[in-house]
Protein backbone atom coordinates (compact mmCIF):
# COMPACT_ATOMS: atom_id res chain seq x y z
CA MET A 1 30.12 12.07 -56.22
CA THR A 2 26.94 13.96 -55.43
CA TRP A 3 24.13 13.63 -52.88
CA SER A 4 21.22 11.24 -52.88
CA HIS A 5 18.13 13.23 -53.85
CA PRO A 6 16.53 13.83 -57.26
CA ARG A 7 17.58 17.47 -56.98
CA GLY A 8 21.22 16.51 -56.44
CA TYR A 9 21.56 13.44 -58.65
CA ASP A 10 19.21 13.63 -61.65
CA PRO A 11 20.55 16.88 -63.17
CA MET A 12 24.15 15.65 -62.91
CA VAL A 13 23.27 12.46 -64.78
CA ALA A 14 21.28 14.35 -67.42
CA CYS A 15 23.96 16.97 -67.98
CA SER A 16 26.72 14.36 -68.08
CA SER A 17 24.84 12.53 -70.83
CA LEU A 18 24.75 15.74 -72.86
CA TRP A 19 28.42 16.35 -72.11
CA GLN A 20 29.33 12.92 -73.44
CA GLN A 21 27.41 13.64 -76.66
CA LYS A 22 29.19 16.98 -76.91
CA THR A 23 32.75 15.91 -76.04
CA GLY A 24 32.91 12.11 -75.95
CA VAL A 25 33.90 12.23 -72.26
CA ALA A 26 31.82 9.92 -70.06
CA ILE A 27 31.11 10.84 -66.42
CA HIS A 28 29.54 8.35 -63.99
CA TRP A 29 27.92 9.71 -60.80
CA ASP A 30 27.64 8.01 -57.42
CA LYS A 31 25.57 9.47 -54.58
CA ARG A 32 25.64 9.56 -50.80
CA SER A 33 23.00 10.42 -48.20
CA LEU A 34 22.24 14.00 -47.21
CA GLN A 35 23.62 13.32 -43.73
CA ASP A 36 26.87 12.03 -45.23
CA PHE A 37 26.99 15.02 -47.55
CA GLU A 38 27.02 17.35 -44.55
CA SER A 39 29.66 15.45 -42.60
CA PHE A 40 31.69 12.98 -44.70
CA PRO A 41 35.40 13.89 -45.05
CA VAL A 42 35.95 15.56 -48.42
CA GLU A 43 39.54 14.28 -48.58
CA GLU A 44 38.34 10.66 -48.71
CA LEU A 45 35.98 11.52 -51.55
CA ALA A 46 38.71 13.41 -53.40
CA ARG A 47 40.91 10.31 -53.36
CA ALA A 48 38.12 8.27 -54.97
CA TYR A 49 36.42 10.69 -57.40
CA ASP A 50 37.40 13.26 -60.03
CA LEU A 51 34.36 15.51 -59.48
CA ILE A 52 32.77 16.16 -56.08
CA VAL A 53 29.71 18.18 -55.09
CA ILE A 54 30.43 20.07 -51.83
CA ASP A 55 28.90 22.80 -49.70
CA HIS A 56 30.73 26.02 -48.92
CA PRO A 57 31.46 25.57 -45.17
CA HIS A 58 33.97 22.86 -46.15
CA VAL A 59 36.30 25.23 -48.00
CA GLY A 60 38.59 26.02 -45.07
CA GLN A 61 39.03 22.35 -44.30
CA ILE A 62 39.60 21.28 -47.89
CA THR A 63 42.10 24.11 -48.42
CA ALA A 64 44.09 22.94 -45.40
CA GLU A 65 43.94 19.35 -46.64
CA ARG A 66 44.91 20.36 -50.20
CA CYS A 67 42.46 17.83 -51.58
CA LEU A 68 40.76 19.99 -54.23
CA ALA A 69 42.17 21.68 -57.30
CA PRO A 70 41.50 25.45 -57.54
CA LEU A 71 39.26 26.31 -60.48
CA ASP A 72 40.65 29.80 -61.14
CA VAL A 73 42.94 28.49 -63.88
CA ALA A 74 44.73 30.85 -66.23
CA GLY A 75 43.05 31.76 -69.52
CA ARG A 76 39.44 31.34 -68.33
CA GLU A 77 38.97 34.70 -66.65
CA ALA A 78 36.03 35.72 -68.86
CA GLU A 79 34.15 32.51 -68.06
CA ARG A 80 34.68 33.02 -64.33
CA ALA A 81 33.54 36.63 -64.58
CA ALA A 82 30.32 35.41 -66.20
CA LEU A 83 29.81 32.87 -63.43
CA ALA A 84 30.49 35.48 -60.76
CA SER A 85 28.05 37.96 -62.32
CA GLY A 86 25.40 35.21 -62.32
CA SER A 87 25.77 34.50 -58.62
CA VAL A 88 22.52 34.14 -56.68
CA GLY A 89 23.32 36.15 -53.58
CA GLN A 90 26.70 35.15 -52.21
CA SER A 91 26.67 31.67 -53.77
CA TYR A 92 29.71 32.21 -56.01
CA PRO A 93 32.00 33.98 -53.50
CA SER A 94 31.06 31.46 -50.79
CA TYR A 95 33.40 28.99 -52.52
CA ALA A 96 36.33 31.41 -52.57
CA TRP A 97 38.93 31.05 -49.83
CA GLN A 98 42.43 32.40 -49.35
CA GLY A 99 42.40 34.04 -52.77
CA ARG A 100 41.36 30.96 -54.78
CA GLN A 101 38.07 29.62 -56.18
CA TRP A 102 37.48 26.05 -54.99
CA ALA A 103 34.08 25.30 -56.51
CA PHE A 104 31.39 26.79 -58.74
CA PRO A 105 27.79 27.00 -57.52
CA ILE A 106 25.47 24.61 -59.28
CA ASP A 107 22.69 24.71 -56.69
CA ALA A 108 21.54 27.80 -54.78
CA ALA A 109 19.61 27.56 -51.52
CA SER A 110 19.07 29.14 -48.15
CA GLN A 111 16.48 28.75 -45.45
CA VAL A 112 13.22 30.00 -46.97
CA GLN A 113 9.55 29.47 -46.10
CA ALA A 114 7.36 26.63 -47.39
CA TRP A 115 3.57 26.83 -47.23
CA ARG A 116 0.43 25.26 -48.62
CA PRO A 117 -1.41 27.74 -50.90
CA ASP A 118 -4.40 25.38 -51.10
CA ALA A 119 -4.88 25.57 -47.31
CA LEU A 120 -3.86 29.16 -46.48
CA ASP A 121 -5.06 32.40 -48.02
CA ALA A 122 -1.61 33.98 -47.71
CA ARG A 123 1.81 33.03 -46.45
CA PRO A 124 2.77 34.20 -42.93
CA ALA A 125 4.69 37.44 -43.25
CA ARG A 126 5.69 37.83 -39.58
CA TRP A 127 7.09 35.40 -37.04
CA SER A 128 4.11 36.12 -34.75
CA GLU A 129 1.80 34.74 -37.47
CA VAL A 130 3.90 31.57 -37.62
CA LEU A 131 3.53 31.12 -33.85
CA ASP A 132 -0.25 31.46 -34.15
CA LEU A 133 -0.31 28.64 -36.71
CA ALA A 134 2.11 26.57 -34.66
CA ARG A 135 -0.20 26.71 -31.64
CA GLN A 136 -2.91 25.25 -33.88
CA GLY A 137 -0.66 22.28 -34.72
CA ARG A 138 -0.16 23.39 -38.32
CA VAL A 139 3.58 24.12 -38.40
CA LEU A 140 6.70 21.96 -38.60
CA LEU A 141 10.29 23.15 -38.22
CA PRO A 142 13.23 20.88 -39.16
CA LEU A 143 15.65 20.79 -36.21
CA ARG A 144 17.72 17.67 -36.83
CA PRO A 145 21.42 18.64 -36.82
CA PRO A 146 22.67 20.79 -38.41
CA HIS A 147 19.29 22.49 -38.92
CA ALA A 148 18.86 23.56 -35.29
CA LEU A 149 21.97 25.70 -35.71
CA MET A 150 20.77 26.97 -39.10
CA VAL A 151 17.54 28.19 -37.46
CA PHE A 152 19.61 29.90 -34.76
CA TYR A 153 21.73 31.59 -37.42
CA THR A 154 18.76 32.74 -39.49
CA LEU A 155 16.81 34.21 -36.57
CA ALA A 156 19.90 36.08 -35.38
CA GLY A 157 20.55 37.41 -38.88
CA ASN A 158 16.96 38.49 -39.35
CA LEU A 159 17.07 40.37 -36.06
CA GLY A 160 19.97 42.33 -37.55
CA HIS A 161 22.65 40.67 -35.40
CA ALA A 162 24.22 38.04 -37.64
CA CYS A 163 26.55 35.56 -35.98
CA ALA A 164 30.28 36.04 -36.39
CA THR A 165 32.11 34.29 -39.20
CA ASP A 166 35.60 35.10 -37.90
CA PRO A 167 36.53 32.53 -35.22
CA SER A 168 38.64 35.12 -33.42
CA ARG A 169 35.39 36.87 -32.44
CA ASP A 170 32.57 35.73 -30.17
CA LEU A 171 29.88 33.92 -32.13
CA ILE A 172 27.11 36.17 -30.80
CA ASP A 173 26.53 38.55 -27.92
CA SER A 174 24.73 37.08 -24.92
CA GLU A 175 21.62 39.27 -25.13
CA THR A 176 20.90 38.48 -28.78
CA GLY A 177 21.82 34.83 -28.36
CA CYS A 178 19.41 34.45 -25.44
CA GLU A 179 16.63 36.15 -27.38
CA VAL A 180 17.15 33.80 -30.33
CA PHE A 181 17.30 30.68 -28.20
CA GLU A 182 14.13 31.62 -26.33
CA MET A 183 12.37 32.13 -29.67
CA MET A 184 13.47 28.66 -30.71
CA ARG A 185 12.39 27.13 -27.42
CA GLU A 186 8.99 28.84 -27.70
CA ILE A 187 8.18 27.38 -31.10
CA ALA A 188 9.74 23.98 -30.30
CA ALA A 189 7.31 23.70 -27.38
CA VAL A 190 4.26 23.88 -29.64
CA VAL A 191 5.32 21.92 -32.75
CA ASP A 192 5.41 18.14 -33.04
CA PRO A 193 8.38 16.82 -30.97
CA ALA A 194 9.29 14.78 -34.05
CA CYS A 195 10.74 18.04 -35.45
CA LEU A 196 13.81 17.40 -33.32
CA GLU A 197 14.61 14.45 -35.59
CA MET A 198 13.37 15.88 -38.91
CA ASP A 199 15.38 17.35 -41.77
CA PRO A 200 13.89 19.50 -44.56
CA ILE A 201 13.03 16.48 -46.71
CA ALA A 202 11.09 14.82 -43.88
CA VAL A 203 9.18 18.04 -43.19
CA SER A 204 8.41 18.57 -46.87
CA GLU A 205 7.13 15.01 -47.17
CA ARG A 206 4.78 15.51 -44.20
CA MET A 207 3.50 18.82 -45.55
CA ALA A 208 2.81 17.37 -49.00
CA GLU A 209 0.81 14.34 -47.79
CA ALA A 210 -2.80 14.06 -48.93
CA ASP A 211 -4.27 14.38 -45.42
CA SER A 212 -1.65 16.69 -43.89
CA ARG A 213 -2.71 19.44 -41.47
CA ILE A 214 0.71 21.07 -41.79
CA VAL A 215 0.51 24.31 -43.76
CA CYS A 216 3.79 26.08 -42.97
CA ALA A 217 7.49 25.44 -42.44
CA PRO A 218 8.82 28.94 -41.69
CA LEU A 219 12.56 28.21 -41.91
CA ILE A 220 13.48 25.34 -44.20
CA TYR A 221 15.94 24.71 -46.99
CA GLY A 222 13.73 24.79 -50.08
CA TYR A 223 13.52 21.73 -52.34
CA VAL A 224 12.24 22.70 -55.76
CA SER A 225 10.87 19.20 -56.41
CA TYR A 226 8.02 19.86 -53.98
CA ALA A 227 7.04 23.02 -55.90
CA MET A 228 6.34 21.01 -59.05
CA SER A 229 2.81 19.84 -59.79
CA GLY A 230 2.42 16.07 -59.51
CA PHE A 231 5.58 15.43 -57.47
CA ARG A 232 3.50 14.73 -54.35
CA ALA A 233 -0.21 14.79 -53.43
CA HIS A 234 -0.04 18.49 -52.61
CA ARG A 235 2.24 21.10 -54.14
CA LEU A 236 4.20 23.29 -51.76
CA ALA A 237 4.79 26.96 -52.44
CA PHE A 238 8.05 28.61 -51.42
CA THR A 239 8.47 32.23 -50.42
CA ASP A 240 10.60 34.61 -48.38
CA ILE A 241 11.19 33.94 -44.69
CA PRO A 242 8.78 35.52 -42.20
CA ALA A 243 10.27 38.65 -40.67
CA VAL A 244 11.28 38.88 -37.05
CA GLY A 245 13.14 42.16 -37.35
CA SER A 246 12.33 45.25 -39.39
CA SER A 247 14.64 44.79 -42.39
CA GLY A 248 12.73 42.22 -44.42
CA PRO A 249 13.95 38.73 -45.39
CA ILE A 250 17.62 39.14 -44.50
CA GLY A 251 20.03 36.90 -42.66
CA SER A 252 18.97 33.44 -43.83
CA ALA A 253 21.75 30.85 -43.56
CA LEU A 254 23.06 30.22 -47.07
CA GLY A 255 23.13 26.63 -48.31
CA GLY A 256 23.33 25.15 -51.80
CA THR A 257 26.15 23.16 -53.39
CA GLY A 258 29.13 23.66 -55.65
CA ILE A 259 31.01 21.44 -58.06
CA ALA A 260 34.68 20.85 -57.28
CA VAL A 261 37.58 18.96 -58.85
CA SER A 262 39.82 16.56 -56.94
CA ALA A 263 43.45 17.53 -56.56
CA PHE A 264 44.27 13.82 -56.97
CA SER A 265 42.40 13.41 -60.25
CA LYS A 266 44.22 11.96 -63.23
CA ALA A 267 41.70 13.72 -65.50
CA LYS A 268 41.89 17.15 -63.91
CA ASP A 269 41.60 19.17 -67.12
CA ALA A 270 38.59 17.21 -68.37
CA ALA A 271 36.90 17.49 -64.97
CA THR A 272 37.54 21.23 -64.87
CA ASP A 273 36.05 21.66 -68.34
CA PHE A 274 32.86 19.94 -67.18
CA ALA A 275 32.69 22.08 -64.02
CA TYR A 276 32.84 25.30 -66.05
CA TRP A 277 30.21 24.03 -68.47
CA VAL A 278 27.65 22.66 -66.02
CA ALA A 279 27.81 25.84 -63.89
CA SER A 280 27.22 28.15 -66.88
CA GLY A 281 24.02 30.13 -67.27
CA ASP A 282 22.78 28.40 -70.43
CA VAL A 283 23.16 24.91 -68.98
CA GLN A 284 21.76 25.89 -65.60
CA ARG A 285 18.56 27.39 -67.00
CA GLY A 286 18.29 24.65 -69.63
CA ALA A 287 19.20 21.01 -69.12
CA TYR A 288 20.05 21.34 -65.44
CA ALA A 289 16.72 22.89 -64.44
CA ALA A 290 14.74 20.66 -66.82
CA ALA A 291 16.16 17.57 -65.08
CA GLY A 292 14.86 18.69 -61.68
CA GLY A 293 17.91 20.57 -60.48
CA GLN A 294 17.76 23.71 -58.34
CA PRO A 295 20.15 25.94 -60.31
CA GLY A 296 22.89 28.06 -58.82
CA HIS A 297 22.93 30.64 -61.62
CA ALA A 298 20.76 33.76 -61.78
CA ALA A 299 19.96 33.11 -65.44
CA ALA A 300 17.77 30.23 -64.27
CA TRP A 301 16.31 32.06 -61.28
CA GLU A 302 15.09 34.85 -63.55
CA ASP A 303 13.90 32.60 -66.39
CA GLN A 304 10.17 32.63 -67.16
CA THR A 305 10.02 28.97 -68.23
CA VAL A 306 11.94 27.75 -65.20
CA ASN A 307 9.65 29.69 -62.85
CA ALA A 308 6.46 28.59 -64.62
CA ALA A 309 7.41 24.93 -64.10
CA THR A 310 8.02 25.44 -60.38
CA GLY A 311 5.19 27.67 -59.17
CA ASN A 312 7.57 30.66 -59.13
CA PHE A 313 9.85 28.91 -56.64
CA TYR A 314 12.78 31.11 -57.67
CA ARG A 315 11.05 34.47 -57.88
CA GLY A 316 9.26 33.76 -54.62
CA THR A 317 12.47 33.22 -52.66
CA HIS A 318 14.93 35.42 -54.56
CA ALA A 319 14.92 38.26 -52.02
CA THR A 320 15.78 35.83 -49.22
CA LEU A 321 18.67 34.40 -51.25
CA GLU A 322 19.99 37.85 -52.05
CA GLY A 323 19.99 38.76 -48.35
CA ALA A 324 21.39 35.41 -47.16
CA TRP A 325 24.34 35.13 -44.79
CA VAL A 326 27.44 33.05 -45.51
CA ARG A 327 28.36 30.65 -42.72
CA PRO A 328 31.87 30.47 -41.23
CA ARG A 329 34.23 28.48 -43.42
CA HIS A 330 37.48 28.15 -41.47
CA ASP A 331 39.21 24.84 -40.91
CA GLY A 332 37.63 23.56 -37.72
CA TYR A 333 34.16 24.93 -38.49
CA MET A 334 32.55 21.64 -39.51
CA ALA A 335 33.19 20.09 -36.10
CA PHE A 336 31.71 23.20 -34.49
CA GLN A 337 28.61 22.97 -36.67
CA GLN A 338 27.87 19.47 -35.40
CA ALA A 339 28.70 20.20 -31.76
CA ALA A 340 26.70 23.45 -31.69
CA SER A 341 23.70 21.79 -33.32
CA ASP A 342 23.80 19.00 -30.75
CA ARG A 343 24.04 21.54 -27.90
CA ILE A 344 21.01 23.50 -29.10
CA LEU A 345 19.02 20.33 -29.62
CA SER A 346 19.79 18.94 -26.16
CA ALA A 347 18.84 22.28 -24.61
CA MET A 348 15.42 22.16 -26.27
CA THR A 349 14.36 19.33 -23.99
CA SER A 350 16.24 20.44 -20.87
CA GLY A 351 15.68 23.18 -18.35
CA HIS A 352 19.01 24.84 -19.15
CA LYS A 353 18.91 28.61 -18.99
CA ALA A 354 19.40 30.42 -22.27
CA ALA A 355 22.50 32.23 -21.00
CA ARG A 356 24.20 28.91 -20.27
CA VAL A 357 23.37 27.57 -23.72
CA VAL A 358 24.67 30.70 -25.46
CA ALA A 359 27.86 30.66 -23.38
CA ASP A 360 28.43 27.07 -24.45
CA LEU A 361 27.96 27.99 -28.12
CA VAL A 362 30.42 30.87 -27.79
CA GLY A 363 32.90 28.53 -26.12
CA LEU A 364 32.55 25.93 -28.85
CA PHE A 365 33.19 28.59 -31.49
CA ARG A 366 36.35 29.68 -29.69
CA GLU A 367 37.49 26.06 -29.63
CA SER A 368 36.97 25.86 -33.40
CA ALA A 369 39.40 28.77 -33.77
CA ALA A 370 41.94 26.87 -31.68
CA ALA A 371 41.49 23.86 -33.97
CA GLN A 372 42.28 26.10 -36.92
CA VAL A 373 45.50 27.35 -35.30
CA SER A 374 46.47 23.80 -34.33
CA GLY A 375 45.88 22.55 -37.87
CA ALA A 376 47.95 25.36 -39.37
CA ALA A 377 50.82 24.63 -36.97
CA ALA A 378 50.76 20.94 -37.84
CA GLU A 379 50.86 21.78 -41.54
CA ARG A 380 53.89 24.06 -41.05
CA GLY A 381 55.60 21.27 -39.11
CA ALA A 382 54.99 18.86 -41.93
């Protein structure tokens, strides 16, 4: 099971066809919507599929549910070392939890910046430049949950005050949290209100339209398809995030996906073999990238041919990926991600003071820690 977008589905089908030619093992892929991908219970998928594409914030939950098989099997240490050394930023370790490796990155992403090189002389380098464009009606910012929270995370990280990942700590201090929320409220006031219901795909589609006035999406999960000539009326360019702080393009909220194997699979060994193969550098920079995938291995990100086909999508955003921040991953986090996104979004259209909003976010994060303790206690009781 993967997610329903050419970037998520097409490379899995293409690589599985090659795998069948190579090994005789056939793999059929189903797909689910992006919204389902971010929220659908992994355990249900694991009971129905041998191979599942996941994102890293699920690892605490799936570890507690024991629904995935760890991939750090004996005898394949050299292969895992090669995968780890090819990690784009923290993509590989983001799938490690409690001493085990639960998935391999096959898609690397974080919030980056999209812009229209045919309509701008240069990409905005500072947040103040983005605001100038936004006041002219030329900027969109995806804020549909969970992206409102991702913007909050990225701005905090770029200011040099990344949010906590340990649920025993406060998510963010009040002063920084208020500064970040006010920045979000400022830009939300001057962009199209439709942003509140837009995800990165919707924003990219609007930017790429033939008559679009939109020239910049400053914080958006990059989709390599839009960087390819001919995919839409206008090609989008992707580059590092505009700086708010003084440390360059740091702190972007890491995204991407990893391939995992169901603990309930009756073909666990065969599924594991495919996971190692499809995540490897040669496949990632070859068949996977050629089929429209957005590889999770540095061999592809540094490859001349791969970059030439995508307007230097990978080279243009590499620094942001290397400085990206890994989200919390504890059991209980996924519920927090939804609730916190909803709270930020509701506050955008209300008169709530920033301090109240930040206090609510901190409280929700504390509650996610309590959920983790509760879940652990229930497991011990079982």
